[in-house]
């Protein structure tokens, strides 16, 4: 097989990988499964839908607290949730981290 053919195969594979990564990024951006089961679609009207805390909201609060002089405390909170940086924390823990961060005074 010639070197040119090998390079063309690599380019084709990279294009395929880029398309796959784009699809994954769009799925994360939408943050919703493609199809929801019927039981989840209909919620009782008396129960308000729980707002999902986003990474950006947590990052903004932590940045503000760090700017206000609580840098060590912010790092301690990240370590409390088993991470050295915010991106390592599971999204399910964002609301707990946010409430802890808002308690810093």
PDB file of N, CA and C in Angstrom:
ATOM      1  N   UNK A   1       0.846  -1.170   0.000  1.00  0.00           N
ATOM      2  CA  UNK A   1       0.000   0.000   0.000  1.00  0.00           C
ATOM      3  C   UNK A   1       0.896   1.239   0.000  1.00  0.00           C
ATOM      4  N   UNK A   2       0.563   2.230  -0.813  1.00  0.00           N
ATOM      5  CA  UNK A   2       1.410   3.412  -0.924  1.00  0.00           C
ATOM      6  C   UNK A   2       1.188   4.353   0.263  1.00  0.00           C
ATOM      7  N   UNK A   3       2.146   5.221   0.451  1.00  0.00           N
ATOM      8  CA  UNK A   3       2.053   6.184   1.552  1.00  0.00           C
ATOM      9  C   UNK A   3       0.884   7.137   1.336  1.00  0.00           C
ATOM     10  N   UNK A   4       0.619   7.479   0.086  1.00  0.00           N
ATOM     11  CA  UNK A   4      -0.492   8.372  -0.217  1.00  0.00           C
ATOM     12  C   UNK A   4      -1.815   7.731   0.178  1.00  0.00           C
ATOM     13  N   UNK A   5      -1.970   6.453  -0.130  1.00  0.00           N
ATOM     14  CA  UNK A   5      -3.197   5.727   0.221  1.00  0.00           C
ATOM     15  C   UNK A   5      -3.358   5.682   1.747  1.00  0.00           C
ATOM     16  N   UNK A   6      -2.279   5.429   2.449  1.00  0.00           N
ATOM     17  CA  UNK A   6      -2.326   5.407   3.911  1.00  0.00           C
ATOM     18  C   UNK A   6      -2.735   6.767   4.473  1.00  0.00           C
ATOM     19  N   UNK A   7      -2.167   7.834   3.923  1.00  0.00           N
ATOM     20  CA  UNK A   7      -2.529   9.178   4.386  1.00  0.00           C
ATOM     21  C   UNK A   7      -3.993   9.485   4.098  1.00  0.00           C
ATOM     22  N   UNK A   8      -4.501   9.067   2.960  1.00  0.00           N
ATOM     23  CA  UNK A   8      -5.911   9.277   2.639  1.00  0.00           C
ATOM     24  C   UNK A   8      -6.816   8.509   3.597  1.00  0.00           C
ATOM     25  N   UNK A   9      -6.391   7.303   3.971  1.00  0.00           N
ATOM     26  CA  UNK A   9      -7.149   6.522   4.951  1.00  0.00           C
ATOM     27  C   UNK A   9      -7.167   7.220   6.308  1.00  0.00           C
ATOM     28  N   UNK A  10      -6.048   7.795   6.704  1.00  0.00           N
ATOM     29  CA  UNK A  10      -5.966   8.507   7.981  1.00  0.00           C
ATOM     30  C   UNK A  10      -6.888   9.726   7.952  1.00  0.00           C
ATOM     31  N   UNK A  11      -6.871  10.460   6.849  1.00  0.00           N
ATOM     32  CA  UNK A  11      -7.731  11.635   6.720  1.00  0.00           C
ATOM     33  C   UNK A  11      -9.198  11.234   6.805  1.00  0.00           C
ATOM     34  N   UNK A  12      -9.556  10.146   6.140  1.00  0.00           N
ATOM     35  CA  UNK A  12     -10.934   9.656   6.186  1.00  0.00           C
ATOM     36  C   UNK A  12     -11.325   9.281   7.610  1.00  0.00           C
ATOM     37  N   UNK A  13     -10.430   8.600   8.309  1.00  0.00           N
ATOM     38  CA  UNK A  13     -10.699   8.212   9.693  1.00  0.00           C
ATOM     39  C   UNK A  13     -10.831   9.442  10.599  1.00  0.00           C
ATOM     40  N   UNK A  14      -9.991  10.439  10.383  1.00  0.00           N
ATOM     41  CA  UNK A  14     -10.067  11.659  11.192  1.00  0.00           C
ATOM     42  C   UNK A  14     -11.368  12.412  10.941  1.00  0.00           C
ATOM     43  N   UNK A  15     -11.815  12.447   9.694  1.00  0.00           N
ATOM     44  CA  UNK A  15     -13.098  13.083   9.393  1.00  0.00           C
ATOM     45  C   UNK A  15     -14.245  12.351  10.082  1.00  0.00           C
ATOM     46  N   UNK A  16     -14.180  11.047  10.070  1.00  0.00           N
ATOM     47  CA  UNK A  16     -15.207  10.251  10.734  1.00  0.00           C
ATOM     48  C   UNK A  16     -15.200  10.507  12.243  1.00  0.00           C
ATOM     49  N   UNK A  17     -14.001  10.575  12.815  1.00  0.00           N
ATOM     50  CA  UNK A  17     -13.871  10.860  14.244  1.00  0.00           C
ATOM     51  C   UNK A  17     -14.415  12.245  14.573  1.00  0.00           C
ATOM     52  N   UNK A  18     -14.125  13.218  13.737  1.00  0.00           N
ATOM     53  CA  UNK A  18     -14.620  14.576  13.962  1.00  0.00           C
ATOM     54  C   UNK A  18     -16.144  14.614  13.935  1.00  0.00           C
ATOM     55  N   UNK A  19     -16.744  13.881  12.996  1.00  0.00           N
ATOM     56  CA  UNK A  19     -18.205  13.827  12.934  1.00  0.00           C
ATOM     57  C   UNK A  19     -18.782  13.194  14.197  1.00  0.00           C
ATOM     58  N   UNK A  20     -18.139  12.142  14.672  1.00  0.00           N
ATOM     59  CA  UNK A  20     -18.611  11.473  15.888  1.00  0.00           C
ATOM     60  C   UNK A  20     -18.493  12.395  17.099  1.00  0.00           C
ATOM     61  N   UNK A  21     -17.363  13.108  17.201  1.00  0.00           N
ATOM     62  CA  UNK A  21     -17.174  14.033  18.317  1.00  0.00           C
ATOM     63  C   UNK A  21     -18.189  15.166  18.279  1.00  0.00           C
ATOM     64  N   UNK A  22     -18.512  15.633  17.085  1.00  0.00           N
ATOM     65  CA  UNK A  22     -19.509  16.687  16.948  1.00  0.00           C
ATOM     66  C   UNK A  22     -20.871  16.200  17.433  1.00  0.00           C
ATOM     67  N   UNK A  23     -21.224  14.965  17.078  1.00  0.00           N
ATOM     68  CA  UNK A  23     -22.508  14.404  17.512  1.00  0.00           C
ATOM     69  C   UNK A  23     -22.557  14.263  19.027  1.00  0.00           C
ATOM     70  N   UNK A  24     -21.454  13.838  19.631  1.00  0.00           N
ATOM     71  CA  UNK A  24     -21.402  13.696  21.087  1.00  0.00           C
ATOM     72  C   UNK A  24     -21.509  15.067  21.749  1.00  0.00           C
ATOM     73  N   UNK A  25     -20.810  16.059  21.206  1.00  0.00           N
ATOM     74  CA  UNK A  25     -20.853  17.408  21.777  1.00  0.00           C
ATOM     75  C   UNK A  25     -22.262  17.987  21.694  1.00  0.00           C
ATOM     76  N   UNK A  26     -22.947  17.758  20.596  1.00  0.00           N
ATOM     77  CA  UNK A  26     -24.315  18.252  20.466  1.00  0.00           C
ATOM     78  C   UNK A  26     -25.250  17.549  21.452  1.00  0.00           C
ATOM     79  N   UNK A  27     -25.011  16.261  21.670  1.00  0.00           N
ATOM     80  CA  UNK A  27     -25.837  15.531  22.630  1.00  0.00           C
ATOM     81  C   UNK A  27     -25.632  16.083  24.041  1.00  0.00           C
ATOM     82  N   UNK A  28     -24.375  16.383  24.391  1.00  0.00           N
ATOM     83  CA  UNK A  28     -24.108  16.966  25.698  1.00  0.00           C
ATOM     84  C   UNK A  28     -24.690  18.368  25.806  1.00  0.00           C
ATOM     85  N   UNK A  29     -24.619  19.118  24.729  1.00  0.00           N
ATOM     86  CA  UNK A  29     -25.146  20.485  24.741  1.00  0.00           C
ATOM     87  C   UNK A  29     -26.651  20.477  24.964  1.00  0.00           C
ATOM     88  N   UNK A  30     -27.329  19.537  24.371  1.00  0.00           N
ATOM     89  CA  UNK A  30     -28.775  19.433  24.561  1.00  0.00           C
ATOM     90  C   UNK A  30     -29.111  18.922  25.944  1.00  0.00           C
ATOM     91  N   UNK A  31     -28.204  18.125  26.518  1.00  0.00           N
ATOM     92  CA  UNK A  31     -28.330  17.592  27.870  1.00  0.00           C
ATOM     93  C   UNK A  31     -29.645  16.866  28.104  1.00  0.00           C
ATOM     94  N   UNK A  32     -30.183  16.278  27.061  1.00  0.00           N
ATOM     95  CA  UNK A  32     -31.395  15.490  27.198  1.00  0.00           C
ATOM     96  C   UNK A  32     -31.243  14.218  26.384  1.00  0.00           C
ATOM     97  N   UNK A  33     -31.792  13.138  26.861  1.00  0.00           N
ATOM     98  CA  UNK A  33     -31.746  11.916  26.065  1.00  0.00           C
ATOM     99  C   UNK A  33     -32.559  12.097  24.788  1.00  0.00           C
ATOM    100  N   UNK A  34     -32.207  11.326  23.775  1.00  0.00           N
ATOM    101  CA  UNK A  34     -32.879  11.451  22.488  1.00  0.00           C
ATOM    102  C   UNK A  34     -34.366  11.141  22.613  1.00  0.00           C
ATOM    103  N   UNK A  35     -34.701  10.142  23.413  1.00  0.00           N
ATOM    104  CA  UNK A  35     -36.099   9.753  23.573  1.00  0.00           C
ATOM    105  C   UNK A  35     -36.373   9.514  25.052  1.00  0.00           C
ATOM    106  N   UNK A  36     -37.408  10.161  25.569  1.00  0.00           N
ATOM    107  CA  UNK A  36     -37.740   9.997  26.979  1.00  0.00           C
ATOM    108  C   UNK A  36     -38.869   8.991  27.110  1.00  0.00           C
ATOM    109  N   UNK A  37     -38.773   8.129  28.117  1.00  0.00           N
ATOM    110  CA  UNK A  37     -39.878   7.199  28.369  1.00  0.00           C
ATOM    111  C   UNK A  37     -41.149   7.963  28.717  1.00  0.00           C
ATOM    112  N   UNK A  38     -42.284   7.357  28.454  1.00  0.00           N
ATOM    113  CA  UNK A  38     -43.567   8.013  28.693  1.00  0.00           C
ATOM    114  C   UNK A  38     -43.770   8.369  30.164  1.00  0.00           C
ATOM    115  N   UNK A  39     -43.252   7.561  31.069  1.00  0.00           N
ATOM    116  CA  UNK A  39     -43.437   7.836  32.493  1.00  0.00           C
ATOM    117  C   UNK A  39     -42.747   9.129  32.900  1.00  0.00           C
ATOM    118  N   UNK A  40     -41.641   9.484  32.230  1.00  0.00           N
ATOM    119  CA  UNK A  40     -40.936  10.711  32.566  1.00  0.00           C
ATOM    120  C   UNK A  40     -41.546  11.917  31.873  1.00  0.00           C
ATOM    121  N   UNK A  41     -42.244  11.711  30.779  1.00  0.00           N
ATOM    122  CA  UNK A  41     -42.782  12.819  30.021  1.00  0.00           C
ATOM    123  C   UNK A  41     -43.914  13.528  30.757  1.00  0.00           C
ATOM    124  N   UNK A  42     -44.721  12.775  31.440  1.00  0.00           N
ATOM    125  CA  UNK A  42     -45.843  13.400  32.134  1.00  0.00           C
ATOM    126  C   UNK A  42     -45.555  13.464  33.630  1.00  0.00           C
ATOM    127  N   UNK A  43     -45.358  14.696  34.116  1.00  0.00           N
ATOM    128  CA  UNK A  43     -45.129  14.898  35.537  1.00  0.00           C
ATOM    129  C   UNK A  43     -46.382  15.514  36.134  1.00  0.00           C
ATOM    130  N   UNK A  44     -46.666  15.177  37.365  1.00  0.00           N
ATOM    131  CA  UNK A  44     -47.817  15.800  38.007  1.00  0.00           C
ATOM    132  C   UNK A  44     -47.645  17.315  38.032  1.00  0.00           C
ATOM    133  N   UNK A  45     -48.753  18.029  37.821  1.00  0.00           N
ATOM    134  CA  UNK A  45     -48.681  19.477  37.728  1.00  0.00           C
ATOM    135  C   UNK A  45     -48.396  20.136  39.065  1.00  0.00           C
ATOM    136  N   UNK A  46     -48.684  19.467  40.174  1.00  0.00           N
ATOM    137  CA  UNK A  46     -48.448  20.072  41.464  1.00  0.00           C
ATOM    138  C   UNK A  46     -46.975  20.038  41.867  1.00  0.00           C
ATOM    139  N   UNK A  47     -46.145  19.242  41.185  1.00  0.00           N
ATOM    140  CA  UNK A  47     -44.722  19.186  41.476  1.00  0.00           C
ATOM    141  C   UNK A  47     -43.964  19.983  40.423  1.00  0.00           C
ATOM    142  N   UNK A  48     -43.336  21.096  40.794  1.00  0.00           N
ATOM    143  CA  UNK A  48     -42.573  21.865  39.817  1.00  0.00           C
ATOM    144  C   UNK A  48     -41.322  21.090  39.400  1.00  0.00           C
ATOM    145  N   UNK A  49     -40.910  21.298  38.175  1.00  0.00           N
ATOM    146  CA  UNK A  49     -39.721  20.608  37.669  1.00  0.00           C
ATOM    147  C   UNK A  49     -38.494  21.178  38.362  1.00  0.00           C
ATOM    148  N   UNK A  50     -37.617  20.305  38.821  1.00  0.00           N
ATOM    149  CA  UNK A  50     -36.417  20.712  39.534  1.00  0.00           C
ATOM    150  C   UNK A  50     -35.409  21.285  38.533  1.00  0.00           C
ATOM    151  N   UNK A  51     -34.916  22.482  38.818  1.00  0.00           N
ATOM    152  CA  UNK A  51     -33.968  23.128  37.920  1.00  0.00           C
ATOM    153  C   UNK A  51     -32.609  22.465  38.040  1.00  0.00           C
ATOM    154  N   UNK A  52     -32.040  22.118  36.923  1.00  0.00           N
ATOM    155  CA  UNK A  52     -30.736  21.483  36.881  1.00  0.00           C
ATOM    156  C   UNK A  52     -29.659  22.566  36.963  1.00  0.00           C
ATOM    157  N   UNK A  53     -28.714  22.426  37.888  1.00  0.00           N
ATOM    158  CA  UNK A  53     -27.626  23.373  38.042  1.00  0.00           C
ATOM    159  C   UNK A  53     -26.584  23.059  36.967  1.00  0.00           C
ATOM    160  N   UNK A  54     -26.123  24.102  36.275  1.00  0.00           N
ATOM    161  CA  UNK A  54     -25.155  23.896  35.200  1.00  0.00           C
ATOM    162  C   UNK A  54     -23.730  24.162  35.667  1.00  0.00           C
ATOM    163  N   UNK A  55     -22.805  23.656  34.890  1.00  0.00           N
ATOM    164  CA  UNK A  55     -21.384  23.868  35.158  1.00  0.00           C
ATOM    165  C   UNK A  55     -21.065  25.361  35.162  1.00  0.00           C
ATOM    166  N   UNK A  56     -21.656  26.096  34.258  1.00  0.00           N
ATOM    167  CA  UNK A  56     -21.389  27.530  34.156  1.00  0.00           C
ATOM    168  C   UNK A  56     -21.851  28.277  35.406  1.00  0.00           C
ATOM    169  N   UNK A  57     -23.000  27.879  35.955  1.00  0.00           N
ATOM    170  CA  UNK A  57     -23.497  28.522  37.167  1.00  0.00           C
ATOM    171  C   UNK A  57     -22.556  28.266  38.343  1.00  0.00           C
ATOM    172  N   UNK A  58     -22.110  27.029  38.483  1.00  0.00           N
ATOM    173  CA  UNK A  58     -21.200  26.689  39.576  1.00  0.00           C
ATOM    174  C   UNK A  58     -19.873  27.416  39.384  1.00  0.00           C
ATOM    175  N   UNK A  59     -19.373  27.425  38.142  1.00  0.00           N
ATOM    176  CA  UNK A  59     -18.098  28.083  37.857  1.00  0.00           C
ATOM    177  C   UNK A  59     -18.173  29.568  38.189  1.00  0.00           C
ATOM    178  N   UNK A  60     -19.278  30.217  37.871  1.00  0.00           N
ATOM    179  CA  UNK A  60     -19.419  31.645  38.144  1.00  0.00           C
ATOM    180  C   UNK A  60     -19.384  31.922  39.648  1.00  0.00           C
ATOM    181  N   UNK A  61     -20.089  31.118  40.418  1.00  0.00           N
ATOM    182  CA  UNK A  61     -20.114  31.320  41.871  1.00  0.00           C
ATOM    183  C   UNK A  61     -18.742  31.046  42.474  1.00  0.00           C
ATOM    184  N   UNK A  62     -18.086  29.981  42.039  1.00  0.00           N
ATOM    185  CA  UNK A  62     -16.758  29.665  42.577  1.00  0.00           C
ATOM    186  C   UNK A  62     -15.745  30.741  42.202  1.00  0.00           C
ATOM    187  N   UNK A  63     -15.833  31.255  40.987  1.00  0.00           N
ATOM    188  CA  UNK A  63     -14.918  32.327  40.574  1.00  0.00           C
ATOM    189  C   UNK A  63     -15.130  33.575  41.413  1.00  0.00           C
ATOM    190  N   UNK A  64     -16.387  33.893  41.682  1.00  0.00           N
ATOM    191  CA  UNK A  64     -16.699  35.059  42.512  1.00  0.00           C
ATOM    192  C   UNK A  64     -16.153  34.871  43.925  1.00  0.00           C
ATOM    193  N   UNK A  65     -16.346  33.687  44.492  1.00  0.00           N
ATOM    194  CA  UNK A  65     -15.859  33.417  45.847  1.00  0.00           C
ATOM    195  C   UNK A  65     -14.333  33.468  45.891  1.00  0.00           C
ATOM    196  N   UNK A  66     -13.695  32.930  44.869  1.00  0.00           N
ATOM    197  CA  UNK A  66     -12.239  32.966  44.801  1.00  0.00           C
ATOM    198  C   UNK A  66     -11.745  34.406  44.696  1.00  0.00           C
ATOM    199  N   UNK A  67     -12.427  35.193  43.899  1.00  0.00           N
ATOM    200  CA  UNK A  67     -12.079  36.610  43.742  1.00  0.00           C
ATOM    201  C   UNK A  67     -12.270  37.372  45.053  1.00  0.00           C
ATOM    202  N   UNK A  68     -13.231  36.945  45.846  1.00  0.00           N
ATOM    203  CA  UNK A  68     -13.509  37.591  47.130  1.00  0.00           C
ATOM    204  C   UNK A  68     -12.560  37.139  48.240  1.00  0.00           C
ATOM    205  N   UNK A  69     -11.584  36.311  47.913  1.00  0.00           N
ATOM    206  CA  UNK A  69     -10.580  35.904  48.902  1.00  0.00           C
ATOM    207  C   UNK A  69     -10.785  34.523  49.493  1.00  0.00           C
ATOM    208  N   UNK A  70     -11.675  33.730  48.935  1.00  0.00           N
ATOM    209  CA  UNK A  70     -11.950  32.402  49.452  1.00  0.00           C
ATOM    210  C   UNK A  70     -11.312  31.305  48.590  1.00  0.00           C
ATOM    211  N   UNK A  71     -10.161  31.587  47.985  1.00  0.00           N
ATOM    212  CA  UNK A  71      -9.531  30.632  47.070  1.00  0.00           C
ATOM    213  C   UNK A  71      -9.233  29.307  47.762  1.00  0.00           C
ATOM    214  N   UNK A  72      -8.686  29.357  48.961  1.00  0.00           N
ATOM    215  CA  UNK A  72      -8.359  28.118  49.681  1.00  0.00           C
ATOM    216  C   UNK A  72      -9.622  27.322  50.004  1.00  0.00           C
ATOM    217  N   UNK A  73     -10.673  28.030  50.379  1.00  0.00           N
ATOM    218  CA  UNK A  73     -11.932  27.362  50.698  1.00  0.00           C
ATOM    219  C   UNK A  73     -12.554  26.731  49.454  1.00  0.00           C
ATOM    220  N   UNK A  74     -12.433  27.405  48.299  1.00  0.00           N
ATOM    221  CA  UNK A  74     -12.951  26.856  47.051  1.00  0.00           C
ATOM    222  C   UNK A  74     -12.199  25.576  46.702  1.00  0.00           C
ATOM    223  N   UNK A  75     -10.881  25.598  46.850  1.00  0.00           N
ATOM    224  CA  UNK A  75     -10.097  24.379  46.585  1.00  0.00           C
ATOM    225  C   UNK A  75     -10.493  23.254  47.543  1.00  0.00           C
ATOM    226  N   UNK A  76     -10.739  23.603  48.796  1.00  0.00           N
ATOM    227  CA  UNK A  76     -11.153  22.594  49.772  1.00  0.00           C
ATOM    228  C   UNK A  76     -12.508  21.992  49.386  1.00  0.00           C
ATOM    229  N   UNK A  77     -13.410  22.824  48.879  1.00  0.00           N
ATOM    230  CA  UNK A  77     -14.713  22.309  48.439  1.00  0.00           C
ATOM    231  C   UNK A  77     -14.542  21.337  47.270  1.00  0.00           C
ATOM    232  N   UNK A  78     -13.684  21.691  46.323  1.00  0.00           N
ATOM    233  CA  UNK A  78     -13.447  20.794  45.189  1.00  0.00           C
ATOM    234  C   UNK A  78     -12.900  19.458  45.682  1.00  0.00           C
ATOM    235  N   UNK A  79     -11.962  19.509  46.619  1.00  0.00           N
ATOM    236  CA  UNK A  79     -11.397  18.278  47.163  1.00  0.00           C
ATOM    237  C   UNK A  79     -12.435  17.491  47.944  1.00  0.00           C
ATOM    238  N   UNK A  80     -13.343  18.184  48.599  1.00  0.00           N
ATOM    239  CA  UNK A  80     -14.423  17.520  49.342  1.00  0.00           C
ATOM    240  C   UNK A  80     -15.251  16.646  48.402  1.00  0.00           C
ATOM    241  N   UNK A  81     -15.428  17.121  47.167  1.00  0.00           N
ATOM    242  CA  UNK A  81     -16.201  16.367  46.187  1.00  0.00           C
ATOM    243  C   UNK A  81     -15.317  15.496  45.301  1.00  0.00           C
ATOM    244  N   UNK A  82     -14.082  15.264  45.738  1.00  0.00           N
ATOM    245  CA  UNK A  82     -13.196  14.308  45.084  1.00  0.00           C
ATOM    246  C   UNK A  82     -12.568  14.773  43.788  1.00  0.00           C
ATOM    247  N   UNK A  83     -12.273  16.062  43.683  1.00  0.00           N
ATOM    248  CA  UNK A  83     -11.699  16.572  42.442  1.00  0.00           C
ATOM    249  C   UNK A  83     -10.667  17.652  42.736  1.00  0.00           C
ATOM    250  N   UNK A  84      -9.764  17.830  41.785  1.00  0.00           N
ATOM    251  CA  UNK A  84      -8.799  18.920  41.904  1.00  0.00           C
ATOM    252  C   UNK A  84      -9.215  20.108  41.052  1.00  0.00           C
ATOM    253  N   UNK A  85     -10.170  19.867  40.134  1.00  0.00           N
ATOM    254  CA  UNK A  85     -10.709  20.960  39.329  1.00  0.00           C
ATOM    255  C   UNK A  85     -12.190  20.705  39.075  1.00  0.00           C
ATOM    256  N   UNK A  86     -12.907  21.762  38.771  1.00  0.00           N
ATOM    257  CA  UNK A  86     -14.358  21.695  38.657  1.00  0.00           C
ATOM    258  C   UNK A  86     -14.818  20.718  37.586  1.00  0.00           C
ATOM    259  N   UNK A  87     -14.112  20.638  36.489  1.00  0.00           N
ATOM    260  CA  UNK A  87     -14.548  19.767  35.390  1.00  0.00           C
ATOM    261  C   UNK A  87     -14.513  18.285  35.762  1.00  0.00           C
ATOM    262  N   UNK A  88     -13.854  17.929  36.853  1.00  0.00           N
ATOM    263  CA  UNK A  88     -13.784  16.533  37.290  1.00  0.00           C
ATOM    264  C   UNK A  88     -14.978  16.130  38.162  1.00  0.00           C
ATOM    265  N   UNK A  89     -15.783  17.090  38.563  1.00  0.00           N
ATOM    266  CA  UNK A  89     -16.917  16.813  39.449  1.00  0.00           C
ATOM    267  C   UNK A  89     -18.118  16.363  38.625  1.00  0.00           C
ATOM    268  N   UNK A  90     -18.816  15.355  39.134  1.00  0.00           N
ATOM    269  CA  UNK A  90     -19.998  14.847  38.444  1.00  0.00           C
ATOM    270  C   UNK A  90     -21.114  15.896  38.464  1.00  0.00           C
ATOM    271  N   UNK A  91     -21.809  16.057  37.336  1.00  0.00           N
ATOM    272  CA  UNK A  91     -22.895  17.043  37.275  1.00  0.00           C
ATOM    273  C   UNK A  91     -23.991  16.823  38.318  1.00  0.00           C
ATOM    274  N   UNK A  92     -24.147  15.602  38.787  1.00  0.00           N
ATOM    275  CA  UNK A  92     -25.174  15.334  39.802  1.00  0.00           C
ATOM    276  C   UNK A  92     -24.837  15.990  41.143  1.00  0.00           C
ATOM    277  N   UNK A  93     -23.576  16.364  41.338  1.00  0.00           N
ATOM    278  CA  UNK A  93     -23.145  16.968  42.601  1.00  0.00           C
ATOM    279  C   UNK A  93     -23.092  18.492  42.533  1.00  0.00           C
ATOM    280  N   UNK A  94     -23.393  19.078  41.368  1.00  0.00           N
ATOM    281  CA  UNK A  94     -23.302  20.528  41.204  1.00  0.00           C
ATOM    282  C   UNK A  94     -24.174  21.282  42.196  1.00  0.00           C
ATOM    283  N   UNK A  95     -25.397  20.819  42.415  1.00  0.00           N
ATOM    284  CA  UNK A  95     -26.292  21.560  43.314  1.00  0.00           C
ATOM    285  C   UNK A  95     -25.761  21.565  44.746  1.00  0.00           C
ATOM    286  N   UNK A  96     -25.162  20.451  45.180  1.00  0.00           N
ATOM    287  CA  UNK A  96     -24.597  20.386  46.527  1.00  0.00           C
ATOM    288  C   UNK A  96     -23.379  21.306  46.645  1.00  0.00           C
ATOM    289  N   UNK A  97     -22.523  21.256  45.621  1.00  0.00           N
ATOM    290  CA  UNK A  97     -21.334  22.111  45.605  1.00  0.00           C
ATOM    291  C   UNK A  97     -21.741  23.582  45.589  1.00  0.00           C
ATOM    292  N   UNK A  98     -22.760  23.900  44.811  1.00  0.00           N
ATOM    293  CA  UNK A  98     -23.215  25.291  44.730  1.00  0.00           C
ATOM    294  C   UNK A  98     -23.733  25.785  46.073  1.00  0.00           C
ATOM    295  N   UNK A  99     -24.503  24.953  46.758  1.00  0.00           N
ATOM    296  CA  UNK A  99     -25.025  25.380  48.067  1.00  0.00           C
ATOM    297  C   UNK A  99     -23.885  25.527  49.086  1.00  0.00           C
ATOM    298  N   UNK A 100     -22.881  24.636  49.027  1.00  0.00           N
ATOM    299  CA  UNK A 100     -21.721  24.772  49.920  1.00  0.00           C
ATOM    300  C   UNK A 100     -20.964  26.052  49.613  1.00  0.00           C
ATOM    301  N   UNK A 101     -20.778  26.354  48.333  1.00  0.00           N
ATOM    302  CA  UNK A 101     -20.024  27.544  47.938  1.00  0.00           C
ATOM    303  C   UNK A 101     -20.766  28.814  48.338  1.00  0.00           C
ATOM    304  N   UNK A 102     -22.069  28.813  48.208  1.00  0.00           N
ATOM    305  CA  UNK A 102     -22.840  29.998  48.589  1.00  0.00           C
ATOM    306  C   UNK A 102     -22.809  30.222  50.098  1.00  0.00           C
ATOM    307  N   UNK A 103     -22.475  29.182  50.850  1.00  0.00           N
ATOM    308  CA  UNK A 103     -22.390  29.308  52.302  1.00  0.00           C
ATOM    309  C   UNK A 103     -21.084  29.904  52.773  1.00  0.00           C
ATOM    310  N   UNK A 104     -20.108  30.077  51.872  1.00  0.00           N
ATOM    311  CA  UNK A 104     -18.831  30.666  52.261  1.00  0.00           C
ATOM    312  C   UNK A 104     -19.011  32.156  52.542  1.00  0.00           C
ATOM    313  N   UNK A 105     -18.582  32.584  53.742  1.00  0.00           N
ATOM    314  CA  UNK A 105     -18.676  33.997  54.117  1.00  0.00           C
ATOM    315  C   UNK A 105     -17.485  34.412  54.911  1.00  0.00           C
TER     316      UNK A 105
END
